Amino acid sequence: MELSCFSCHKINQFSGKVGFRDECLGCHADLHSCKNCQFYDVKSYNECRENSADVVREKDRANYCDYFTPRQGANHQEDEKARLKAAAEALFKK
Protein backbone atom coordinates (compact mmCIF):
# COMPACT_ATOMS: atom_id res chain seq x y z
CA MET A 1 0.00 0.00 0.00
CA GLU A 2 1.18 3.52 -0.75
CA LEU A 3 0.35 6.69 1.15
CA SER A 4 1.36 10.18 0.10
CA CYS A 5 2.31 12.43 3.02
CA PHE A 6 0.01 15.44 3.41
CA SER A 7 2.97 17.61 4.35
CA CYS A 8 5.77 16.86 1.86
CA HIS A 9 3.86 14.60 -0.60
CA LYS A 10 6.50 11.86 -0.37
CA ILE A 11 5.14 8.39 -1.14
CA ASN A 12 5.45 6.03 1.85
CA GLN A 13 5.14 2.26 1.34
CA PHE A 14 3.42 -0.12 3.81
CA SER A 15 2.97 -3.87 3.76
CA GLY A 16 0.05 -3.77 6.21
CA LYS A 17 -1.84 -1.12 8.14
CA VAL A 18 -0.53 2.35 8.87
CA GLY A 19 0.46 2.28 12.54
CA PHE A 20 -0.52 4.93 15.08
CA ARG A 21 3.09 6.04 15.42
CA ASP A 22 4.25 5.75 11.80
CA GLU A 23 6.03 8.80 10.44
CA CYS A 24 6.80 10.05 6.94
CA LEU A 25 10.22 9.00 5.69
CA GLY A 26 10.76 12.46 4.19
CA CYS A 27 9.59 15.01 6.78
CA HIS A 28 8.74 12.86 9.84
CA ALA A 29 5.11 14.06 9.92
CA ASP A 30 2.60 11.72 11.56
CA LEU A 31 0.97 9.50 8.92
CA HIS A 32 -1.96 8.16 11.00
CA SER A 33 -3.58 11.60 10.99
CA CYS A 34 -6.78 13.15 9.69
CA LYS A 35 -5.03 14.89 6.80
CA ASN A 36 -3.95 11.49 5.42
CA CYS A 37 -7.40 9.90 5.81
CA GLN A 38 -9.90 9.44 2.99
CA PHE A 39 -12.65 10.86 5.24
CA TYR A 40 -10.84 14.19 5.76
CA ASP A 41 -12.79 17.00 4.11
CA VAL A 42 -12.45 20.65 5.10
CA LYS A 43 -16.02 21.33 3.96
CA SER A 44 -17.57 18.71 6.25
CA TYR A 45 -18.66 19.08 9.88
CA ASN A 46 -15.52 18.68 12.06
CA GLU A 47 -13.63 18.29 8.76
CA CYS A 48 -14.59 14.61 8.61
CA ARG A 49 -17.09 12.81 6.36
CA GLU A 50 -17.37 9.95 8.88
CA ASN A 51 -20.14 11.21 11.16
CA SER A 52 -19.47 8.62 13.89
CA ALA A 53 -15.83 9.60 14.42
CA ASP A 54 -14.76 11.48 17.53
CA VAL A 55 -13.74 15.12 17.11
CA VAL A 56 -10.00 15.54 16.54
CA ARG A 57 -8.67 19.06 17.03
CA GLU A 58 -5.17 18.67 15.58
CA LYS A 59 -5.77 17.25 12.10
CA ASP A 60 -2.07 16.97 11.27
CA ARG A 61 -1.08 15.02 14.41
CA ALA A 62 -1.29 11.28 15.09
CA ASN A 63 -4.58 10.09 16.58
CA TYR A 64 -6.29 6.85 17.53
CA CYS A 65 -9.35 7.19 15.28
CA ASP A 66 -10.82 3.77 14.51
CA TYR A 67 -12.21 5.06 11.20
CA PHE A 68 -8.81 6.04 9.76
CA THR A 69 -8.51 4.82 6.19
CA PRO A 70 -5.44 5.84 4.20
CA ARG A 71 -6.24 8.30 1.45
CA GLN A 72 -6.03 6.76 -2.02
CA GLY A 73 -4.11 8.57 -4.72
CA ALA A 74 -1.20 10.94 -4.51
CA ASN A 75 -3.04 13.95 -3.13
CA HIS A 76 -6.81 13.78 -3.36
CA GLN A 77 -7.55 17.39 -2.43
CA GLU A 78 -4.95 18.87 -4.78
CA ASP A 79 -6.26 16.68 -7.61
CA GLU A 80 -9.83 17.80 -6.90
CA LYS A 81 -8.75 21.45 -6.77
CA ALA A 82 -6.97 21.15 -10.13
CA ARG A 83 -9.98 19.39 -11.69
CA LEU A 84 -12.39 22.10 -10.50
CA LYS A 85 -10.10 24.88 -11.67
CA ALA A 86 -9.79 23.31 -15.13
CA ALA A 87 -13.58 22.93 -15.35
CA ALA A 88 -14.10 26.58 -14.41
CA GLU A 89 -11.54 27.76 -16.96
CA ALA A 90 -13.15 25.64 -19.68
CA LEU A 91 -16.55 27.06 -18.82
CA PHE A 92 -15.45 30.68 -19.15
CA LYS A 93 -12.99 30.22 -22.00
CA LYS A 94 -13.73 32.33 -25.09
PDB file of N, CA and C in Angstrom:
ATOM      1  N   MET A   1       0.849  -1.167   0.000  1.00  0.00           N
ATOM      2  CA  MET A   1       0.000   0.000   0.000  1.00  0.00           C
ATOM      3  C   MET A   1       0.899   1.234   0.000  1.00  0.00           C
ATOM      4  N   GLU A   2       0.452   2.260  -0.704  1.00  0.00           N
ATOM      5  CA  GLU A   2       1.182   3.517  -0.751  1.00  0.00           C
ATOM      6  C   GLU A   2       0.343   4.624  -0.141  1.00  0.00           C
ATOM      7  N   LEU A   3       1.015   5.541   0.550  1.00  0.00           N
ATOM      8  CA  LEU A   3       0.347   6.688   1.147  1.00  0.00           C
ATOM      9  C   LEU A   3       1.231   7.907   0.916  1.00  0.00           C
ATOM     10  N   SER A   4       0.644   8.942   0.340  1.00  0.00           N
ATOM     11  CA  SER A   4       1.363  10.185   0.102  1.00  0.00           C
ATOM     12  C   SER A   4       1.208  11.075   1.329  1.00  0.00           C
ATOM     13  N   CYS A   5       2.325  11.568   1.848  1.00  0.00           N
ATOM     14  CA  CYS A   5       2.311  12.425   3.024  1.00  0.00           C
ATOM     15  C   CYS A   5       1.600  13.742   2.710  1.00  0.00           C
ATOM     16  N   PHE A   6       0.730  14.184   3.602  1.00  0.00           N
ATOM     17  CA  PHE A   6       0.007  15.437   3.408  1.00  0.00           C
ATOM     18  C   PHE A   6       0.947  16.631   3.450  1.00  0.00           C
ATOM     19  N   SER A   7       2.068  16.497   4.128  1.00  0.00           N
ATOM     20  CA  SER A   7       2.975  17.612   4.355  1.00  0.00           C
ATOM     21  C   SER A   7       3.981  17.803   3.217  1.00  0.00           C
ATOM     22  N   CYS A   8       4.720  16.736   2.877  1.00  0.00           N
ATOM     23  CA  CYS A   8       5.769  16.861   1.858  1.00  0.00           C
ATOM     24  C   CYS A   8       5.438  16.117   0.564  1.00  0.00           C
ATOM     25  N   HIS A   9       4.348  15.355   0.557  1.00  0.00           N
ATOM     26  CA  HIS A   9       3.861  14.598  -0.605  1.00  0.00           C
ATOM     27  C   HIS A   9       4.765  13.428  -0.995  1.00  0.00           C
ATOM     28  N   LYS A  10       5.660  13.025  -0.107  1.00  0.00           N
ATOM     29  CA  LYS A  10       6.503  11.858  -0.369  1.00  0.00           C
ATOM     30  C   LYS A  10       5.646  10.600  -0.253  1.00  0.00           C
ATOM     31  N   ILE A  11       5.865   9.659  -1.167  1.00  0.00           N
ATOM     32  CA  ILE A  11       5.141   8.388  -1.140  1.00  0.00           C
ATOM     33  C   ILE A  11       5.801   7.476  -0.110  1.00  0.00           C
ATOM     34  N   ASN A  12       4.999   6.972   0.827  1.00  0.00           N
ATOM     35  CA  ASN A  12       5.454   6.034   1.852  1.00  0.00           C
ATOM     36  C   ASN A  12       4.817   4.685   1.571  1.00  0.00           C
ATOM     37  N   GLN A  13       5.604   3.612   1.640  1.00  0.00           N
ATOM     38  CA  GLN A  13       5.139   2.257   1.342  1.00  0.00           C
ATOM     39  C   GLN A  13       4.874   1.492   2.643  1.00  0.00           C
ATOM     40  N   PHE A  14       3.782   0.703   2.654  1.00  0.00           N
ATOM     41  CA  PHE A  14       3.423  -0.116   3.807  1.00  0.00           C
ATOM     42  C   PHE A  14       3.007  -1.492   3.334  1.00  0.00           C
ATOM     43  N   SER A  15       3.390  -2.515   4.100  1.00  0.00           N
ATOM     44  CA  SER A  15       2.974  -3.875   3.757  1.00  0.00           C
ATOM     45  C   SER A  15       1.647  -4.222   4.425  1.00  0.00           C
ATOM     46  N   GLY A  16       1.304  -3.521   5.491  1.00  0.00           N
ATOM     47  CA  GLY A  16       0.054  -3.774   6.210  1.00  0.00           C
ATOM     48  C   GLY A  16      -0.650  -2.469   6.500  1.00  0.00           C
ATOM     49  N   LYS A  17      -1.159  -2.351   7.726  1.00  0.00           N
ATOM     50  CA  LYS A  17      -1.844  -1.122   8.140  1.00  0.00           C
ATOM     51  C   LYS A  17      -0.857  -0.033   8.500  1.00  0.00           C
ATOM     52  N   VAL A  18      -1.322   1.215   8.400  1.00  0.00           N
ATOM     53  CA  VAL A  18      -0.533   2.349   8.870  1.00  0.00           C
ATOM     54  C   VAL A  18      -0.660   2.373  10.387  1.00  0.00           C
ATOM     55  N   GLY A  19       0.459   2.306  11.081  1.00  0.00           N
ATOM     56  CA  GLY A  19       0.458   2.282  12.538  1.00  0.00           C
ATOM     57  C   GLY A  19       0.198   3.658  13.134  1.00  0.00           C
ATOM     58  N   PHE A  20      -0.228   3.684  14.386  1.00  0.00           N
ATOM     59  CA  PHE A  20      -0.523   4.933  15.076  1.00  0.00           C
ATOM     60  C   PHE A  20       0.702   5.843  15.182  1.00  0.00           C
ATOM     61  N   ARG A  21       1.873   5.256  15.237  1.00  0.00           N
ATOM     62  CA  ARG A  21       3.089   6.042  15.422  1.00  0.00           C
ATOM     63  C   ARG A  21       3.967   6.129  14.169  1.00  0.00           C
ATOM     64  N   ASP A  22       3.465   5.687  13.027  1.00  0.00           N
ATOM     65  CA  ASP A  22       4.250   5.752  11.798  1.00  0.00           C
ATOM     66  C   ASP A  22       4.458   7.196  11.368  1.00  0.00           C
ATOM     67  N   GLU A  23       5.667   7.462  10.881  1.00  0.00           N
ATOM     68  CA  GLU A  23       6.033   8.803  10.438  1.00  0.00           C
ATOM     69  C   GLU A  23       6.474   8.763   8.978  1.00  0.00           C
ATOM     70  N   CYS A  24       6.359   9.900   8.315  1.00  0.00           N
ATOM     71  CA  CYS A  24       6.801  10.049   6.936  1.00  0.00           C
ATOM     72  C   CYS A  24       8.316   9.889   6.872  1.00  0.00           C
ATOM     73  N   LEU A  25       8.785   9.188   5.862  1.00  0.00           N
ATOM     74  CA  LEU A  25      10.225   9.003   5.690  1.00  0.00           C
ATOM     75  C   LEU A  25      10.917  10.293   5.263  1.00  0.00           C
ATOM     76  N   GLY A  26      10.165  11.219   4.676  1.00  0.00           N
ATOM     77  CA  GLY A  26      10.755  12.460   4.194  1.00  0.00           C
ATOM     78  C   GLY A  26      10.792  13.582   5.213  1.00  0.00           C
ATOM     79  N   CYS A  27       9.673  13.837   5.882  1.00  0.00           N
ATOM     80  CA  CYS A  27       9.591  15.005   6.777  1.00  0.00           C
ATOM     81  C   CYS A  27       9.258  14.635   8.221  1.00  0.00           C
ATOM     82  N   HIS A  28       9.045  13.368   8.502  1.00  0.00           N
ATOM     83  CA  HIS A  28       8.736  12.855   9.844  1.00  0.00           C
ATOM     84  C   HIS A  28       7.383  13.335  10.382  1.00  0.00           C
ATOM     85  N   ALA A  29       6.474  13.723   9.490  1.00  0.00           N
ATOM     86  CA  ALA A  29       5.112  14.064   9.916  1.00  0.00           C
ATOM     87  C   ALA A  29       4.372  12.776  10.273  1.00  0.00           C
ATOM     88  N   ASP A  30       3.412  12.874  11.182  1.00  0.00           N
ATOM     89  CA  ASP A  30       2.605  11.717  11.557  1.00  0.00           C
ATOM     90  C   ASP A  30       1.750  11.287  10.364  1.00  0.00           C
ATOM     91  N   LEU A  31       1.748   9.992  10.054  1.00  0.00           N
ATOM     92  CA  LEU A  31       0.970   9.499   8.916  1.00  0.00           C
ATOM     93  C   LEU A  31      -0.439   9.055   9.304  1.00  0.00           C
ATOM     94  N   HIS A  32      -0.617   8.574  10.549  1.00  0.00           N
ATOM     95  CA  HIS A  32      -1.956   8.162  11.003  1.00  0.00           C
ATOM     96  C   HIS A  32      -2.660   9.409  11.540  1.00  0.00           C
ATOM     97  N   SER A  33      -2.970  10.320  10.626  1.00  0.00           N
ATOM     98  CA  SER A  33      -3.583  11.601  10.992  1.00  0.00           C
ATOM     99  C   SER A  33      -4.758  11.890  10.063  1.00  0.00           C
ATOM    100  N   CYS A  34      -5.587  12.808  10.475  1.00  0.00           N
ATOM    101  CA  CYS A  34      -6.780  13.149   9.692  1.00  0.00           C
ATOM    102  C   CYS A  34      -6.438  13.580   8.271  1.00  0.00           C
ATOM    103  N   LYS A  35      -5.379  14.361   8.121  1.00  0.00           N
ATOM    104  CA  LYS A  35      -5.033  14.886   6.803  1.00  0.00           C
ATOM    105  C   LYS A  35      -4.577  13.809   5.825  1.00  0.00           C
ATOM    106  N   ASN A  36      -4.301  12.611   6.300  1.00  0.00           N
ATOM    107  CA  ASN A  36      -3.949  11.491   5.425  1.00  0.00           C
ATOM    108  C   ASN A  36      -5.092  10.490   5.292  1.00  0.00           C
ATOM    109  N   CYS A  37      -6.248  10.811   5.806  1.00  0.00           N
ATOM    110  CA  CYS A  37      -7.397   9.904   5.808  1.00  0.00           C
ATOM    111  C   CYS A  37      -8.346  10.233   4.654  1.00  0.00           C
ATOM    112  N   GLN A  38      -8.955   9.206   4.086  1.00  0.00           N
ATOM    113  CA  GLN A  38      -9.899   9.436   2.990  1.00  0.00           C
ATOM    114  C   GLN A  38     -11.157  10.163   3.445  1.00  0.00           C
ATOM    115  N   PHE A  39     -11.465  10.164   4.729  1.00  0.00           N
ATOM    116  CA  PHE A  39     -12.650  10.856   5.238  1.00  0.00           C
ATOM    117  C   PHE A  39     -12.410  12.332   5.532  1.00  0.00           C
ATOM    118  N   TYR A  40     -11.159  12.789   5.483  1.00  0.00           N
ATOM    119  CA  TYR A  40     -10.839  14.190   5.760  1.00  0.00           C
ATOM    120  C   TYR A  40     -11.401  15.075   4.651  1.00  0.00           C
ATOM    121  N   ASP A  41     -12.173  16.072   5.059  1.00  0.00           N
ATOM    122  CA  ASP A  41     -12.788  16.997   4.106  1.00  0.00           C
ATOM    123  C   ASP A  41     -13.023  18.317   4.828  1.00  0.00           C
ATOM    124  N   VAL A  42     -12.346  19.364   4.407  1.00  0.00           N
ATOM    125  CA  VAL A  42     -12.445  20.650   5.099  1.00  0.00           C
ATOM    126  C   VAL A  42     -13.851  21.241   5.028  1.00  0.00           C
ATOM    127  N   LYS A  43     -14.665  20.791   4.103  1.00  0.00           N
ATOM    128  CA  LYS A  43     -16.021  21.325   3.957  1.00  0.00           C
ATOM    129  C   LYS A  43     -17.049  20.584   4.809  1.00  0.00           C
ATOM    130  N   SER A  44     -16.656  19.500   5.439  1.00  0.00           N
ATOM    131  CA  SER A  44     -17.573  18.712   6.253  1.00  0.00           C
ATOM    132  C   SER A  44     -17.542  19.168   7.711  1.00  0.00           C
ATOM    133  N   TYR A  45     -18.588  18.799   8.453  1.00  0.00           N
ATOM    134  CA  TYR A  45     -18.658  19.083   9.884  1.00  0.00           C
ATOM    135  C   TYR A  45     -17.474  18.418  10.565  1.00  0.00           C
ATOM    136  N   ASN A  46     -16.744  19.152  11.378  1.00  0.00           N
ATOM    137  CA  ASN A  46     -15.525  18.685  12.058  1.00  0.00           C
ATOM    138  C   ASN A  46     -14.456  18.219  11.073  1.00  0.00           C
ATOM    139  N   GLU A  47     -14.573  18.632   9.822  1.00  0.00           N
ATOM    140  CA  GLU A  47     -13.631  18.291   8.757  1.00  0.00           C
ATOM    141  C   GLU A  47     -13.496  16.786   8.549  1.00  0.00           C
ATOM    142  N   CYS A  48     -14.600  16.059   8.765  1.00  0.00           N
ATOM    143  CA  CYS A  48     -14.587  14.610   8.609  1.00  0.00           C
ATOM    144  C   CYS A  48     -15.921  14.153   8.024  1.00  0.00           C
ATOM    145  N   ARG A  49     -15.862  13.328   6.969  1.00  0.00           N
ATOM    146  CA  ARG A  49     -17.091  12.814   6.359  1.00  0.00           C
ATOM    147  C   ARG A  49     -17.647  11.604   7.107  1.00  0.00           C
ATOM    148  N   GLU A  50     -16.890  11.057   8.043  1.00  0.00           N
ATOM    149  CA  GLU A  50     -17.371   9.951   8.878  1.00  0.00           C
ATOM    150  C   GLU A  50     -18.062  10.565  10.082  1.00  0.00           C
ATOM    151  N   ASN A  51     -19.388  10.512  10.112  1.00  0.00           N
ATOM    152  CA  ASN A  51     -20.141  11.209  11.163  1.00  0.00           C
ATOM    153  C   ASN A  51     -20.080  10.519  12.526  1.00  0.00           C
ATOM    154  N   SER A  52     -19.575   9.310  12.607  1.00  0.00           N
ATOM    155  CA  SER A  52     -19.470   8.616  13.890  1.00  0.00           C
ATOM    156  C   SER A  52     -18.116   8.819  14.566  1.00  0.00           C
ATOM    157  N   ALA A  53     -17.188   9.421  13.866  1.00  0.00           N
ATOM    158  CA  ALA A  53     -15.832   9.602  14.416  1.00  0.00           C
ATOM    159  C   ALA A  53     -15.823  10.667  15.504  1.00  0.00           C
ATOM    160  N   ASP A  54     -14.945  10.480  16.481  1.00  0.00           N
ATOM    161  CA  ASP A  54     -14.757  11.483  17.525  1.00  0.00           C
ATOM    162  C   ASP A  54     -14.110  12.728  16.926  1.00  0.00           C
ATOM    163  N   VAL A  55     -14.334  13.869  17.564  1.00  0.00           N
ATOM    164  CA  VAL A  55     -13.741  15.121  17.107  1.00  0.00           C
ATOM    165  C   VAL A  55     -12.244  15.102  17.405  1.00  0.00           C
ATOM    166  N   VAL A  56     -11.457  15.437  16.394  1.00  0.00           N
ATOM    167  CA  VAL A  56     -10.005  15.540  16.543  1.00  0.00           C
ATOM    168  C   VAL A  56      -9.646  16.985  16.252  1.00  0.00           C
ATOM    169  N   ARG A  57      -9.008  17.641  17.188  1.00  0.00           N
ATOM    170  CA  ARG A  57      -8.669  19.065  17.034  1.00  0.00           C
ATOM    171  C   ARG A  57      -7.454  19.286  16.144  1.00  0.00           C
ATOM    172  N   GLU A  58      -6.400  18.496  16.352  1.00  0.00           N
ATOM    173  CA  GLU A  58      -5.171  18.668  15.581  1.00  0.00           C
ATOM    174  C   GLU A  58      -5.172  17.666  14.426  1.00  0.00           C
ATOM    175  N   LYS A  59      -5.580  18.122  13.264  1.00  0.00           N
ATOM    176  CA  LYS A  59      -5.768  17.253  12.100  1.00  0.00           C
ATOM    177  C   LYS A  59      -4.456  16.735  11.518  1.00  0.00           C
ATOM    178  N   ASP A  60      -3.350  17.389  11.817  1.00  0.00           N
ATOM    179  CA  ASP A  60      -2.068  16.974  11.267  1.00  0.00           C
ATOM    180  C   ASP A  60      -1.238  16.129  12.233  1.00  0.00           C
ATOM    181  N   ARG A  61      -1.787  15.812  13.398  1.00  0.00           N
ATOM    182  CA  ARG A  61      -1.083  15.017  14.410  1.00  0.00           C
ATOM    183  C   ARG A  61      -1.659  13.607  14.471  1.00  0.00           C
ATOM    184  N   ALA A  62      -0.859  12.670  14.960  1.00  0.00           N
ATOM    185  CA  ALA A  62      -1.291  11.279  15.094  1.00  0.00           C
ATOM    186  C   ALA A  62      -2.491  11.196  16.032  1.00  0.00           C
ATOM    187  N   ASN A  63      -3.411  10.294  15.730  1.00  0.00           N
ATOM    188  CA  ASN A  63      -4.581  10.086  16.578  1.00  0.00           C
ATOM    189  C   ASN A  63      -4.955   8.609  16.553  1.00  0.00           C
ATOM    190  N   TYR A  64      -5.878   8.251  17.402  1.00  0.00           N
ATOM    191  CA  TYR A  64      -6.291   6.849  17.526  1.00  0.00           C
ATOM    192  C   TYR A  64      -7.679   6.608  16.939  1.00  0.00           C
ATOM    193  N   CYS A  65      -8.037   7.341  15.909  1.00  0.00           N
ATOM    194  CA  CYS A  65      -9.352   7.193  15.284  1.00  0.00           C
ATOM    195  C   CYS A  65      -9.489   5.800  14.674  1.00  0.00           C
ATOM    196  N   ASP A  66     -10.567   5.111  15.034  1.00  0.00           N
ATOM    197  CA  ASP A  66     -10.819   3.772  14.511  1.00  0.00           C
ATOM    198  C   ASP A  66     -11.279   3.796  13.055  1.00  0.00           C
ATOM    199  N   TYR A  67     -11.701   4.946  12.565  1.00  0.00           N
ATOM    200  CA  TYR A  67     -12.210   5.057  11.202  1.00  0.00           C
ATOM    201  C   TYR A  67     -11.133   5.454  10.199  1.00  0.00           C
ATOM    202  N   PHE A  68      -9.888   5.626  10.655  1.00  0.00           N
ATOM    203  CA  PHE A  68      -8.806   6.037   9.759  1.00  0.00           C
ATOM    204  C   PHE A  68      -8.666   5.047   8.610  1.00  0.00           C
ATOM    205  N   THR A  69      -8.727   5.583   7.410  1.00  0.00           N
ATOM    206  CA  THR A  69      -8.508   4.815   6.193  1.00  0.00           C
ATOM    207  C   THR A  69      -7.553   5.625   5.324  1.00  0.00           C
ATOM    208  N   PRO A  70      -6.407   5.063   4.974  1.00  0.00           N
ATOM    209  CA  PRO A  70      -5.437   5.836   4.196  1.00  0.00           C
ATOM    210  C   PRO A  70      -6.053   6.382   2.911  1.00  0.00           C
ATOM    211  N   ARG A  71      -5.742   7.625   2.640  1.00  0.00           N
ATOM    212  CA  ARG A  71      -6.236   8.301   1.451  1.00  0.00           C
ATOM    213  C   ARG A  71      -5.652   7.626   0.210  1.00  0.00           C
ATOM    214  N   GLN A  72      -6.476   7.367  -0.773  1.00  0.00           N
ATOM    215  CA  GLN A  72      -6.033   6.761  -2.021  1.00  0.00           C
ATOM    216  C   GLN A  72      -5.606   7.842  -2.991  1.00  0.00           C
ATOM    217  N   GLY A  73      -4.602   7.586  -3.769  1.00  0.00           N
ATOM    218  CA  GLY A  73      -4.112   8.568  -4.724  1.00  0.00           C
ATOM    219  C   GLY A  73      -3.029   9.421  -4.115  1.00  0.00           C
ATOM    220  N   ALA A  74      -2.334  10.146  -4.965  1.00  0.00           N
ATOM    221  CA  ALA A  74      -1.199  10.935  -4.508  1.00  0.00           C
ATOM    222  C   ALA A  74      -1.620  12.051  -3.571  1.00  0.00           C
ATOM    223  N   ASN A  75      -2.571  12.857  -3.980  1.00  0.00           N
ATOM    224  CA  ASN A  75      -3.040  13.951  -3.129  1.00  0.00           C
ATOM    225  C   ASN A  75      -4.449  14.297  -3.561  1.00  0.00           C
ATOM    226  N   HIS A  76      -5.411  13.672  -2.953  1.00  0.00           N
ATOM    227  CA  HIS A  76      -6.808  13.785  -3.361  1.00  0.00           C
ATOM    228  C   HIS A  76      -7.293  15.221  -3.433  1.00  0.00           C
ATOM    229  N   GLN A  77      -7.018  16.028  -2.435  1.00  0.00           N
ATOM    230  CA  GLN A  77      -7.555  17.387  -2.428  1.00  0.00           C
ATOM    231  C   GLN A  77      -6.910  18.256  -3.490  1.00  0.00           C
ATOM    232  N   GLU A  78      -5.616  18.101  -3.731  1.00  0.00           N
ATOM    233  CA  GLU A  78      -4.951  18.873  -4.777  1.00  0.00           C
ATOM    234  C   GLU A  78      -5.485  18.459  -6.149  1.00  0.00           C
ATOM    235  N   ASP A  79      -5.712  17.151  -6.348  1.00  0.00           N
ATOM    236  CA  ASP A  79      -6.264  16.677  -7.614  1.00  0.00           C
ATOM    237  C   ASP A  79      -7.659  17.252  -7.840  1.00  0.00           C
ATOM    238  N   GLU A  80      -8.469  17.265  -6.802  1.00  0.00           N
ATOM    239  CA  GLU A  80      -9.828  17.804  -6.901  1.00  0.00           C
ATOM    240  C   GLU A  80      -9.791  19.298  -7.189  1.00  0.00           C
ATOM    241  N   LYS A  81      -8.890  20.015  -6.550  1.00  0.00           N
ATOM    242  CA  LYS A  81      -8.748  21.451  -6.768  1.00  0.00           C
ATOM    243  C   LYS A  81      -8.362  21.728  -8.222  1.00  0.00           C
ATOM    244  N   ALA A  82      -7.413  20.973  -8.747  1.00  0.00           N
ATOM    245  CA  ALA A  82      -6.969  21.147 -10.134  1.00  0.00           C
ATOM    246  C   ALA A  82      -8.096  20.821 -11.106  1.00  0.00           C
ATOM    247  N   ARG A  83      -8.867  19.781 -10.815  1.00  0.00           N
ATOM    248  CA  ARG A  83      -9.979  19.395 -11.686  1.00  0.00           C
ATOM    249  C   ARG A  83     -11.042  20.489 -11.722  1.00  0.00           C
ATOM    250  N   LEU A  84     -11.377  21.041 -10.561  1.00  0.00           N
ATOM    251  CA  LEU A  84     -12.385  22.097 -10.496  1.00  0.00           C
ATOM    252  C   LEU A  84     -11.912  23.379 -11.183  1.00  0.00           C
ATOM    253  N   LYS A  85     -10.646  23.697 -11.025  1.00  0.00           N
ATOM    254  CA  LYS A  85     -10.096  24.883 -11.669  1.00  0.00           C
ATOM    255  C   LYS A  85     -10.126  24.730 -13.191  1.00  0.00           C
ATOM    256  N   ALA A  86      -9.771  23.561 -13.683  1.00  0.00           N
ATOM    257  CA  ALA A  86      -9.792  23.314 -15.130  1.00  0.00           C
ATOM    258  C   ALA A  86     -11.215  23.387 -15.675  1.00  0.00           C
ATOM    259  N   ALA A  87     -12.179  22.867 -14.916  1.00  0.00           N
ATOM    260  CA  ALA A  87     -13.576  22.925 -15.347  1.00  0.00           C
ATOM    261  C   ALA A  87     -14.069  24.364 -15.404  1.00  0.00           C
ATOM    262  N   ALA A  88     -13.692  25.176 -14.422  1.00  0.00           N
ATOM    263  CA  ALA A  88     -14.103  26.582 -14.412  1.00  0.00           C
ATOM    264  C   ALA A  88     -13.468  27.346 -15.570  1.00  0.00           C
ATOM    265  N   GLU A  89     -12.201  27.097 -15.840  1.00  0.00           N
ATOM    266  CA  GLU A  89     -11.535  27.757 -16.960  1.00  0.00           C
ATOM    267  C   GLU A  89     -12.153  27.369 -18.288  1.00  0.00           C
ATOM    268  N   ALA A  90     -12.515  26.095 -18.436  1.00  0.00           N
ATOM    269  CA  ALA A  90     -13.150  25.635 -19.676  1.00  0.00           C
ATOM    270  C   ALA A  90     -14.526  26.270 -19.857  1.00  0.00           C
ATOM    271  N   LEU A  91     -15.214  26.480 -18.766  1.00  0.00           N
ATOM    272  CA  LEU A  91     -16.549  27.065 -18.821  1.00  0.00           C
ATOM    273  C   LEU A  91     -16.513  28.511 -19.288  1.00  0.00           C
ATOM    274  N   PHE A  92     -15.519  29.267 -18.836  1.00  0.00           N
ATOM    275  CA  PHE A  92     -15.450  30.682 -19.151  1.00  0.00           C
ATOM    276  C   PHE A  92     -14.470  31.021 -20.269  1.00  0.00           C
ATOM    277  N   LYS A  93     -13.935  29.999 -20.913  1.00  0.00           N
ATOM    278  CA  LYS A  93     -12.986  30.217 -22.004  1.00  0.00           C
ATOM    279  C   LYS A  93     -13.709  30.749 -23.229  1.00  0.00           C
ATOM    280  N   LYS A  94     -13.117  31.732 -23.892  1.00  0.00           N
ATOM    281  CA  LYS A  94     -13.735  32.327 -25.088  1.00  0.00           C
ATOM    282  C   LYS A  94     -13.207  31.733 -26.354  1.00  0.00           C
TER     283      LYS A  94
END
